[in-house]
Amino acid sequence: MGIIAKPDLDTDWKNYSNCLGVDPDLFFPERGASTREAKEVCRGCVVRDDCLEYALANGEKFGIWGGMSERERRRIRRQRALDRQAAERVVEAV
């Protein structure tokens, strides 16, 4: 996968990924196509969390990253935003 990261992000993790050498098209299926095979490659990957965090930090909108689809990553971003807002309200109340 030709990963281009923001300069401050460490991407050494990609050298240990299960997807190294796998056809990248597997991780970018056509709309409505199954993501099962890509997620299977991710299952048990030792750098799965790093991959997911990379995608979240870079706003990746397409493909399977860290074993999660675009929709699944959107849910995580939404939940994290809600958590941040709740934490800010707690700090303001103190």
PDB file of N, CA and C in Angstrom:
ATOM      1  N   MET A   1       0.856  -1.164   0.000  1.00  0.00           N
ATOM      2  CA  MET A   1       0.000   0.000   0.000  1.00  0.00           C
ATOM      3  C   MET A   1       0.902   1.227   0.000  1.00  0.00           C
ATOM      4  N   GLY A   2       0.766   2.097  -0.937  1.00  0.00           N
ATOM      5  CA  GLY A   2       1.550   3.309  -0.999  1.00  0.00           C
ATOM      6  C   GLY A   2       1.054   4.320   0.022  1.00  0.00           C
ATOM      7  N   ILE A   3       1.537   4.200   1.234  1.00  0.00           N
ATOM      8  CA  ILE A   3       1.054   5.064   2.308  1.00  0.00           C
ATOM      9  C   ILE A   3       1.864   6.343   2.336  1.00  0.00           C
ATOM     10  N   ILE A   4       1.157   7.455   2.283  1.00  0.00           N
ATOM     11  CA  ILE A   4       1.778   8.764   2.407  1.00  0.00           C
ATOM     12  C   ILE A   4       1.186   9.390   3.657  1.00  0.00           C
ATOM     13  N   ALA A   5       2.017   9.604   4.644  1.00  0.00           N
ATOM     14  CA  ALA A   5       1.527  10.097   5.926  1.00  0.00           C
ATOM     15  C   ALA A   5       1.878  11.557   6.124  1.00  0.00           C
ATOM     16  N   LYS A   6       1.160  12.166   7.047  1.00  0.00           N
ATOM     17  CA  LYS A   6       1.541  13.493   7.494  1.00  0.00           C
ATOM     18  C   LYS A   6       2.951  13.354   8.060  1.00  0.00           C
ATOM     19  N   PRO A   7       3.792  14.370   7.902  1.00  0.00           N
ATOM     20  CA  PRO A   7       5.196  14.238   8.303  1.00  0.00           C
ATOM     21  C   PRO A   7       5.418  13.820   9.753  1.00  0.00           C
ATOM     22  N   ASP A   8       4.512  14.174  10.652  1.00  0.00           N
ATOM     23  CA  ASP A   8       4.723  13.863  12.062  1.00  0.00           C
ATOM     24  C   ASP A   8       4.216  12.473  12.464  1.00  0.00           C
ATOM     25  N   LEU A   9       3.673  11.727  11.529  1.00  0.00           N
ATOM     26  CA  LEU A   9       3.152  10.407  11.861  1.00  0.00           C
ATOM     27  C   LEU A   9       4.175   9.321  11.535  1.00  0.00           C
ATOM     28  N   ASP A  10       4.361   8.413  12.479  1.00  0.00           N
ATOM     29  CA  ASP A  10       5.261   7.288  12.293  1.00  0.00           C
ATOM     30  C   ASP A  10       4.527   6.201  11.512  1.00  0.00           C
ATOM     31  N   THR A  11       5.090   5.763  10.413  1.00  0.00           N
ATOM     32  CA  THR A  11       4.451   4.723   9.610  1.00  0.00           C
ATOM     33  C   THR A  11       5.314   3.462   9.513  1.00  0.00           C
ATOM     34  N   ASP A  12       6.273   3.310  10.418  1.00  0.00           N
ATOM     35  CA  ASP A  12       7.095   2.095  10.412  1.00  0.00           C
ATOM     36  C   ASP A  12       6.264   0.842  10.605  1.00  0.00           C
ATOM     37  N   TRP A  13       5.107   0.983  11.238  1.00  0.00           N
ATOM     38  CA  TRP A  13       4.217  -0.146  11.483  1.00  0.00           C
ATOM     39  C   TRP A  13       3.842  -0.871  10.197  1.00  0.00           C
ATOM     40  N   LYS A  14       3.780  -0.141   9.095  1.00  0.00           N
ATOM     41  CA  LYS A  14       3.319  -0.762   7.845  1.00  0.00           C
ATOM     42  C   LYS A  14       4.223  -1.906   7.395  1.00  0.00           C
ATOM     43  N   ASN A  15       5.477  -1.894   7.825  1.00  0.00           N
ATOM     44  CA  ASN A  15       6.407  -2.967   7.455  1.00  0.00           C
ATOM     45  C   ASN A  15       6.059  -4.294   8.120  1.00  0.00           C
ATOM     46  N   TYR A  16       5.177  -4.272   9.114  1.00  0.00           N
ATOM     47  CA  TYR A  16       4.803  -5.475   9.858  1.00  0.00           C
ATOM     48  C   TYR A  16       3.354  -5.890   9.596  1.00  0.00           C
ATOM     49  N   SER A  17       2.717  -5.237   8.641  1.00  0.00           N
ATOM     50  CA  SER A  17       1.289  -5.464   8.395  1.00  0.00           C
ATOM     51  C   SER A  17       1.031  -6.751   7.606  1.00  0.00           C
ATOM     52  N   ASN A  18      -0.098  -7.359   7.898  1.00  0.00           N
ATOM     53  CA  ASN A  18      -0.515  -8.553   7.157  1.00  0.00           C
ATOM     54  C   ASN A  18      -0.761  -8.243   5.686  1.00  0.00           C
ATOM     55  N   CYS A  19      -1.093  -6.997   5.384  1.00  0.00           N
ATOM     56  CA  CYS A  19      -1.453  -6.639   4.012  1.00  0.00           C
ATOM     57  C   CYS A  19      -0.237  -6.319   3.141  1.00  0.00           C
ATOM     58  N   LEU A  20       0.933  -6.316   3.727  1.00  0.00           N
ATOM     59  CA  LEU A  20       2.140  -6.025   2.960  1.00  0.00           C
ATOM     60  C   LEU A  20       2.265  -7.037   1.823  1.00  0.00           C
ATOM     61  N   GLY A  21       2.272  -6.553   0.610  1.00  0.00           N
ATOM     62  CA  GLY A  21       2.380  -7.421  -0.560  1.00  0.00           C
ATOM     63  C   GLY A  21       1.052  -7.915  -1.114  1.00  0.00           C
ATOM     64  N   VAL A  22      -0.050  -7.602  -0.423  1.00  0.00           N
ATOM     65  CA  VAL A  22      -1.384  -7.997  -0.899  1.00  0.00           C
ATOM     66  C   VAL A  22      -1.883  -6.919  -1.860  1.00  0.00           C
ATOM     67  N   ASP A  23      -2.613  -7.321  -2.880  1.00  0.00           N
ATOM     68  CA  ASP A  23      -3.164  -6.377  -3.855  1.00  0.00           C
ATOM     69  C   ASP A  23      -4.000  -5.313  -3.136  1.00  0.00           C
ATOM     70  N   PRO A  24      -3.628  -4.029  -3.234  1.00  0.00           N
ATOM     71  CA  PRO A  24      -4.359  -2.956  -2.554  1.00  0.00           C
ATOM     72  C   PRO A  24      -5.832  -2.870  -2.954  1.00  0.00           C
ATOM     73  N   ASP A  25      -6.165  -3.323  -4.155  1.00  0.00           N
ATOM     74  CA  ASP A  25      -7.566  -3.272  -4.597  1.00  0.00           C
ATOM     75  C   ASP A  25      -8.481  -4.061  -3.670  1.00  0.00           C
ATOM     76  N   LEU A  26      -7.931  -5.067  -2.985  1.00  0.00           N
ATOM     77  CA  LEU A  26      -8.716  -5.852  -2.042  1.00  0.00           C
ATOM     78  C   LEU A  26      -9.266  -4.961  -0.928  1.00  0.00           C
ATOM     79  N   PHE A  27      -8.520  -3.929  -0.557  1.00  0.00           N
ATOM     80  CA  PHE A  27      -8.887  -3.058   0.556  1.00  0.00           C
ATOM     81  C   PHE A  27      -9.722  -1.852   0.123  1.00  0.00           C
ATOM     82  N   PHE A  28      -9.946  -1.742  -1.164  1.00  0.00           N
ATOM     83  CA  PHE A  28     -10.761  -0.655  -1.708  1.00  0.00           C
ATOM     84  C   PHE A  28     -11.817  -1.237  -2.651  1.00  0.00           C
ATOM     85  N   PRO A  29     -12.735  -2.027  -2.087  1.00  0.00           N
ATOM     86  CA  PRO A  29     -13.744  -2.692  -2.927  1.00  0.00           C
ATOM     87  C   PRO A  29     -14.731  -1.684  -3.518  1.00  0.00           C
ATOM     88  N   GLU A  30     -15.334  -2.078  -4.613  1.00  0.00           N
ATOM     89  CA  GLU A  30     -16.373  -1.257  -5.223  1.00  0.00           C
ATOM     90  C   GLU A  30     -17.518  -1.081  -4.239  1.00  0.00           C
ATOM     91  N   ARG A  31     -18.247   0.000  -4.385  1.00  0.00           N
ATOM     92  CA  ARG A  31     -19.378   0.259  -3.497  1.00  0.00           C
ATOM     93  C   ARG A  31     -20.345  -0.929  -3.513  1.00  0.00           C
ATOM     94  N   GLY A  32     -20.694  -1.390  -2.337  1.00  0.00           N
ATOM     95  CA  GLY A  32     -21.623  -2.497  -2.202  1.00  0.00           C
ATOM     96  C   GLY A  32     -20.967  -3.872  -2.239  1.00  0.00           C
ATOM     97  N   ALA A  33     -19.674  -3.931  -2.606  1.00  0.00           N
ATOM     98  CA  ALA A  33     -18.973  -5.213  -2.662  1.00  0.00           C
ATOM     99  C   ALA A  33     -18.583  -5.655  -1.251  1.00  0.00           C
ATOM    100  N   SER A  34     -18.337  -6.907  -1.095  1.00  0.00           N
ATOM    101  CA  SER A  34     -17.978  -7.475   0.206  1.00  0.00           C
ATOM    102  C   SER A  34     -16.614  -6.968   0.682  1.00  0.00           C
ATOM    103  N   THR A  35     -16.531  -6.724   1.976  1.00  0.00           N
ATOM    104  CA  THR A  35     -15.266  -6.327   2.607  1.00  0.00           C
ATOM    105  C   THR A  35     -14.682  -7.490   3.416  1.00  0.00           C
ATOM    106  N   ARG A  36     -15.347  -8.616   3.361  1.00  0.00           N
ATOM    107  CA  ARG A  36     -14.978  -9.770   4.188  1.00  0.00           C
ATOM    108  C   ARG A  36     -13.527 -10.200   3.990  1.00  0.00           C
ATOM    109  N   GLU A  37     -13.084 -10.336   2.739  1.00  0.00           N
ATOM    110  CA  GLU A  37     -11.714 -10.799   2.486  1.00  0.00           C
ATOM    111  C   GLU A  37     -10.680  -9.837   3.047  1.00  0.00           C
ATOM    112  N   ALA A  38     -10.900  -8.547   2.852  1.00  0.00           N
ATOM    113  CA  ALA A  38      -9.957  -7.546   3.371  1.00  0.00           C
ATOM    114  C   ALA A  38      -9.914  -7.599   4.890  1.00  0.00           C
ATOM    115  N   LYS A  39     -11.075  -7.689   5.511  1.00  0.00           N
ATOM    116  CA  LYS A  39     -11.130  -7.744   6.969  1.00  0.00           C
ATOM    117  C   LYS A  39     -10.479  -9.018   7.495  1.00  0.00           C
ATOM    118  N   GLU A  40     -10.555 -10.078   6.731  1.00  0.00           N
ATOM    119  CA  GLU A  40      -9.915 -11.336   7.128  1.00  0.00           C
ATOM    120  C   GLU A  40      -8.397 -11.177   7.148  1.00  0.00           C
ATOM    121  N   VAL A  41      -7.853 -10.441   6.175  1.00  0.00           N
ATOM    122  CA  VAL A  41      -6.410 -10.169   6.156  1.00  0.00           C
ATOM    123  C   VAL A  41      -6.025  -9.377   7.410  1.00  0.00           C
ATOM    124  N   CYS A  42      -6.879  -8.458   7.811  1.00  0.00           N
ATOM    125  CA  CYS A  42      -6.605  -7.612   8.974  1.00  0.00           C
ATOM    126  C   CYS A  42      -6.718  -8.372  10.299  1.00  0.00           C
ATOM    127  N   ARG A  43      -7.561  -9.378  10.316  1.00  0.00           N
ATOM    128  CA  ARG A  43      -7.789 -10.121  11.560  1.00  0.00           C
ATOM    129  C   ARG A  43      -6.462 -10.715  12.055  1.00  0.00           C
ATOM    130  N   GLY A  44      -6.115 -10.436  13.261  1.00  0.00           N
ATOM    131  CA  GLY A  44      -4.889 -10.966  13.841  1.00  0.00           C
ATOM    132  C   GLY A  44      -3.628 -10.203  13.460  1.00  0.00           C
ATOM    133  N   CYS A  45      -3.759  -9.140  12.693  1.00  0.00           N
ATOM    134  CA  CYS A  45      -2.589  -8.353  12.298  1.00  0.00           C
ATOM    135  C   CYS A  45      -2.027  -7.627  13.535  1.00  0.00           C
ATOM    136  N   VAL A  46      -0.732  -7.712  13.712  1.00  0.00           N
ATOM    137  CA  VAL A  46      -0.109  -7.131  14.908  1.00  0.00           C
ATOM    138  C   VAL A  46      -0.108  -5.609  14.903  1.00  0.00           C
ATOM    139  N   VAL A  47      -0.315  -4.996  13.744  1.00  0.00           N
ATOM    140  CA  VAL A  47      -0.319  -3.531  13.675  1.00  0.00           C
ATOM    141  C   VAL A  47      -1.706  -2.977  13.309  1.00  0.00           C
ATOM    142  N   ARG A  48      -2.713  -3.779  13.545  1.00  0.00           N
ATOM    143  CA  ARG A  48      -4.079  -3.384  13.203  1.00  0.00           C
ATOM    144  C   ARG A  48      -4.482  -2.057  13.850  1.00  0.00           C
ATOM    145  N   ASP A  49      -4.181  -1.898  15.137  1.00  0.00           N
ATOM    146  CA  ASP A  49      -4.530  -0.655  15.836  1.00  0.00           C
ATOM    147  C   ASP A  49      -3.785   0.541  15.258  1.00  0.00           C
ATOM    148  N   ASP A  50      -2.504   0.346  14.922  1.00  0.00           N
ATOM    149  CA  ASP A  50      -1.720   1.429  14.324  1.00  0.00           C
ATOM    150  C   ASP A  50      -2.315   1.853  12.990  1.00  0.00           C
ATOM    151  N   CYS A  51      -2.722   0.878  12.209  1.00  0.00           N
ATOM    152  CA  CYS A  51      -3.324   1.130  10.901  1.00  0.00           C
ATOM    153  C   CYS A  51      -4.630   1.919  11.054  1.00  0.00           C
ATOM    154  N   LEU A  52      -5.454   1.489  11.993  1.00  0.00           N
ATOM    155  CA  LEU A  52      -6.721   2.179  12.237  1.00  0.00           C
ATOM    156  C   LEU A  52      -6.476   3.609  12.698  1.00  0.00           C
ATOM    157  N   GLU A  53      -5.555   3.800  13.629  1.00  0.00           N
ATOM    158  CA  GLU A  53      -5.264   5.150  14.124  1.00  0.00           C
ATOM    159  C   GLU A  53      -4.708   6.038  13.012  1.00  0.00           C
ATOM    160  N   TYR A  54      -3.896   5.444  12.129  1.00  0.00           N
ATOM    161  CA  TYR A  54      -3.380   6.191  10.975  1.00  0.00           C
ATOM    162  C   TYR A  54      -4.544   6.704  10.128  1.00  0.00           C
ATOM    163  N   ALA A  55      -5.485   5.807   9.834  1.00  0.00           N
ATOM    164  CA  ALA A  55      -6.630   6.177   8.999  1.00  0.00           C
ATOM    165  C   ALA A  55      -7.474   7.256   9.674  1.00  0.00           C
ATOM    166  N   LEU A  56      -7.683   7.127  10.968  1.00  0.00           N
ATOM    167  CA  LEU A  56      -8.473   8.122  11.694  1.00  0.00           C
ATOM    168  C   LEU A  56      -7.750   9.469  11.722  1.00  0.00           C
ATOM    169  N   ALA A  57      -6.448   9.457  11.977  1.00  0.00           N
ATOM    170  CA  ALA A  57      -5.670  10.698  12.048  1.00  0.00           C
ATOM    171  C   ALA A  57      -5.597  11.408  10.697  1.00  0.00           C
ATOM    172  N   ASN A  58      -5.619  10.633   9.617  1.00  0.00           N
ATOM    173  CA  ASN A  58      -5.499  11.205   8.277  1.00  0.00           C
ATOM    174  C   ASN A  58      -6.840  11.397   7.585  1.00  0.00           C
ATOM    175  N   GLY A  59      -7.918  11.075   8.273  1.00  0.00           N
ATOM    176  CA  GLY A  59      -9.238  11.264   7.680  1.00  0.00           C
ATOM    177  C   GLY A  59      -9.493  10.400   6.463  1.00  0.00           C
ATOM    178  N   GLU A  60      -8.932   9.189   6.456  1.00  0.00           N
ATOM    179  CA  GLU A  60      -9.159   8.284   5.320  1.00  0.00           C
ATOM    180  C   GLU A  60     -10.654   8.002   5.199  1.00  0.00           C
ATOM    181  N   LYS A  61     -11.204   8.283   4.038  1.00  0.00           N
ATOM    182  CA  LYS A  61     -12.643   8.110   3.834  1.00  0.00           C
ATOM    183  C   LYS A  61     -12.980   6.860   3.042  1.00  0.00           C
ATOM    184  N   PHE A  62     -11.987   6.234   2.466  1.00  0.00           N
ATOM    185  CA  PHE A  62     -12.242   5.072   1.622  1.00  0.00           C
ATOM    186  C   PHE A  62     -11.391   3.900   2.056  1.00  0.00           C
ATOM    187  N   GLY A  63     -11.894   2.707   1.810  1.00  0.00           N
ATOM    188  CA  GLY A  63     -11.119   1.503   2.032  1.00  0.00           C
ATOM    189  C   GLY A  63     -11.241   0.918   3.419  1.00  0.00           C
ATOM    190  N   ILE A  64     -10.601  -0.226   3.568  1.00  0.00           N
ATOM    191  CA  ILE A  64     -10.540  -0.932   4.840  1.00  0.00           C
ATOM    192  C   ILE A  64      -9.196  -0.606   5.473  1.00  0.00           C
ATOM    193  N   TRP A  65      -9.254  -0.064   6.679  1.00  0.00           N
ATOM    194  CA  TRP A  65      -8.039   0.288   7.425  1.00  0.00           C
ATOM    195  C   TRP A  65      -8.206  -0.264   8.832  1.00  0.00           C
ATOM    196  N   GLY A  66      -7.228  -0.990   9.311  1.00  0.00           N
ATOM    197  CA  GLY A  66      -7.317  -1.548  10.645  1.00  0.00           C
ATOM    198  C   GLY A  66      -8.509  -2.467  10.813  1.00  0.00           C
ATOM    199  N   GLY A  67      -8.936  -3.073   9.724  1.00  0.00           N
ATOM    200  CA  GLY A  67     -10.059  -4.004   9.770  1.00  0.00           C
ATOM    201  C   GLY A  67     -11.419  -3.340   9.817  1.00  0.00           C
ATOM    202  N   MET A  68     -11.468  -2.038   9.558  1.00  0.00           N
ATOM    203  CA  MET A  68     -12.742  -1.324   9.630  1.00  0.00           C
ATOM    204  C   MET A  68     -13.054  -0.582   8.337  1.00  0.00           C
ATOM    205  N   SER A  69     -14.340  -0.554   8.025  1.00  0.00           N
ATOM    206  CA  SER A  69     -14.822   0.134   6.828  1.00  0.00           C
ATOM    207  C   SER A  69     -14.957   1.632   7.099  1.00  0.00           C
ATOM    208  N   GLU A  70     -15.277   2.360   6.055  1.00  0.00           N
ATOM    209  CA  GLU A  70     -15.502   3.807   6.188  1.00  0.00           C
ATOM    210  C   GLU A  70     -16.589   4.087   7.218  1.00  0.00           C
ATOM    211  N   ARG A  71     -17.677   3.353   7.123  1.00  0.00           N
ATOM    212  CA  ARG A  71     -18.805   3.561   8.038  1.00  0.00           C
ATOM    213  C   ARG A  71     -18.399   3.295   9.486  1.00  0.00           C
ATOM    214  N   GLU A  72     -17.647   2.239   9.699  1.00  0.00           N
ATOM    215  CA  GLU A  72     -17.198   1.903  11.063  1.00  0.00           C
ATOM    216  C   GLU A  72     -16.253   2.976  11.611  1.00  0.00           C
ATOM    217  N   ARG A  73     -15.387   3.508  10.754  1.00  0.00           N
ATOM    218  CA  ARG A  73     -14.478   4.581  11.196  1.00  0.00           C
ATOM    219  C   ARG A  73     -15.240   5.863  11.489  1.00  0.00           C
ATOM    220  N   ARG A  74     -16.279   6.130  10.710  1.00  0.00           N
ATOM    221  CA  ARG A  74     -17.112   7.316  10.977  1.00  0.00           C
ATOM    222  C   ARG A  74     -17.723   7.236  12.366  1.00  0.00           C
ATOM    223  N   ARG A  75     -18.194   6.049  12.732  1.00  0.00           N
ATOM    224  CA  ARG A  75     -18.772   5.857  14.076  1.00  0.00           C
ATOM    225  C   ARG A  75     -17.741   6.143  15.166  1.00  0.00           C
ATOM    226  N   ILE A  76     -16.522   5.673  14.960  1.00  0.00           N
ATOM    227  CA  ILE A  76     -15.460   5.910  15.942  1.00  0.00           C
ATOM    228  C   ILE A  76     -15.182   7.405  16.051  1.00  0.00           C
ATOM    229  N   ARG A  77     -15.059   8.089  14.903  1.00  0.00           N
ATOM    230  CA  ARG A  77     -14.791   9.541  14.930  1.00  0.00           C
ATOM    231  C   ARG A  77     -15.910  10.281  15.648  1.00  0.00           C
ATOM    232  N   ARG A  78     -17.143   9.894  15.348  1.00  0.00           N
ATOM    233  CA  ARG A  78     -18.302  10.531  15.987  1.00  0.00           C
ATOM    234  C   ARG A  78     -18.272  10.314  17.498  1.00  0.00           C
ATOM    235  N   GLN A  79     -18.006   9.078  17.923  1.00  0.00           N
ATOM    236  CA  GLN A  79     -17.972   8.767  19.358  1.00  0.00           C
ATOM    237  C   GLN A  79     -16.838   9.518  20.050  1.00  0.00           C
ATOM    238  N   ARG A  80     -15.692   9.594  19.406  1.00  0.00           N
ATOM    239  CA  ARG A  80     -14.568  10.323  20.004  1.00  0.00           C
ATOM    240  C   ARG A  80     -14.890  11.809  20.134  1.00  0.00           C
ATOM    241  N   ALA A  81     -15.569  12.364  19.150  1.00  0.00           N
ATOM    242  CA  ALA A  81     -15.960  13.779  19.224  1.00  0.00           C
ATOM    243  C   ALA A  81     -16.925  13.994  20.382  1.00  0.00           C
ATOM    244  N   LEU A  82     -17.877  13.093  20.547  1.00  0.00           N
ATOM    245  CA  LEU A  82     -18.818  13.199  21.670  1.00  0.00           C
ATOM    246  C   LEU A  82     -18.083  13.073  23.002  1.00  0.00           C
ATOM    247  N   ASP A  83     -17.132  12.167  23.080  1.00  0.00           N
ATOM    248  CA  ASP A  83     -16.346  11.990  24.303  1.00  0.00           C
ATOM    249  C   ASP A  83     -15.547  13.253  24.627  1.00  0.00           C
ATOM    250  N   ARG A  84     -14.954  13.877  23.599  1.00  0.00           N
ATOM    251  CA  ARG A  84     -14.197  15.118  23.809  1.00  0.00           C
ATOM    252  C   ARG A  84     -15.108  16.226  24.312  1.00  0.00           C
ATOM    253  N   GLN A  85     -16.292  16.344  23.702  1.00  0.00           N
ATOM    254  CA  GLN A  85     -17.240  17.368  24.130  1.00  0.00           C
ATOM    255  C   GLN A  85     -17.654  17.147  25.574  1.00  0.00           C
ATOM    256  N   ALA A  86     -17.902  15.925  25.953  1.00  0.00           N
ATOM    257  CA  ALA A  86     -18.281  15.615  27.335  1.00  0.00           C
ATOM    258  C   ALA A  86     -17.145  15.967  28.293  1.00  0.00           C
ATOM    259  N   ALA A  87     -15.920  15.650  27.920  1.00  0.00           N
ATOM    260  CA  ALA A  87     -14.765  15.962  28.762  1.00  0.00           C
ATOM    261  C   ALA A  87     -14.589  17.467  28.910  1.00  0.00           C
ATOM    262  N   GLU A  88     -14.821  18.206  27.834  1.00  0.00           N
ATOM    263  CA  GLU A  88     -14.705  19.673  27.886  1.00  0.00           C
ATOM    264  C   GLU A  88     -15.760  20.267  28.810  1.00  0.00           C
ATOM    265  N   ARG A  89     -16.966  19.709  28.789  1.00  0.00           N
ATOM    266  CA  ARG A  89     -18.022  20.196  29.673  1.00  0.00           C
ATOM    267  C   ARG A  89     -17.670  19.956  31.136  1.00  0.00           C
ATOM    268  N   VAL A  90     -17.031  18.805  31.405  1.00  0.00           N
ATOM    269  CA  VAL A  90     -16.620  18.487  32.782  1.00  0.00           C
ATOM    270  C   VAL A  90     -15.581  19.508  33.239  1.00  0.00           C
ATOM    271  N   VAL A  91     -14.609  19.811  32.377  1.00  0.00           N
ATOM    272  CA  VAL A  91     -13.559  20.775  32.724  1.00  0.00           C
ATOM    273  C   VAL A  91     -14.172  22.156  32.938  1.00  0.00           C
ATOM    274  N   GLU A  92     -15.103  22.550  32.111  1.00  0.00           N
ATOM    275  CA  GLU A  92     -15.751  23.859  32.254  1.00  0.00           C
ATOM    276  C   GLU A  92     -16.540  23.942  33.553  1.00  0.00           C
ATOM    277  N   ALA A  93     -17.105  22.858  33.991  1.00  0.00           N
ATOM    278  CA  ALA A  93     -17.931  22.851  35.194  1.00  0.00           C
ATOM    279  C   ALA A  93     -17.096  22.918  36.467  1.00  0.00           C
ATOM    280  N   VAL A  94     -15.824  22.635  36.364  1.00  0.00           N
ATOM    281  CA  VAL A  94     -14.963  22.608  37.563  1.00  0.00           C
ATOM    282  C   VAL A  94     -14.492  23.966  37.930  1.00  0.00           C
TER     283      VAL A  94
END
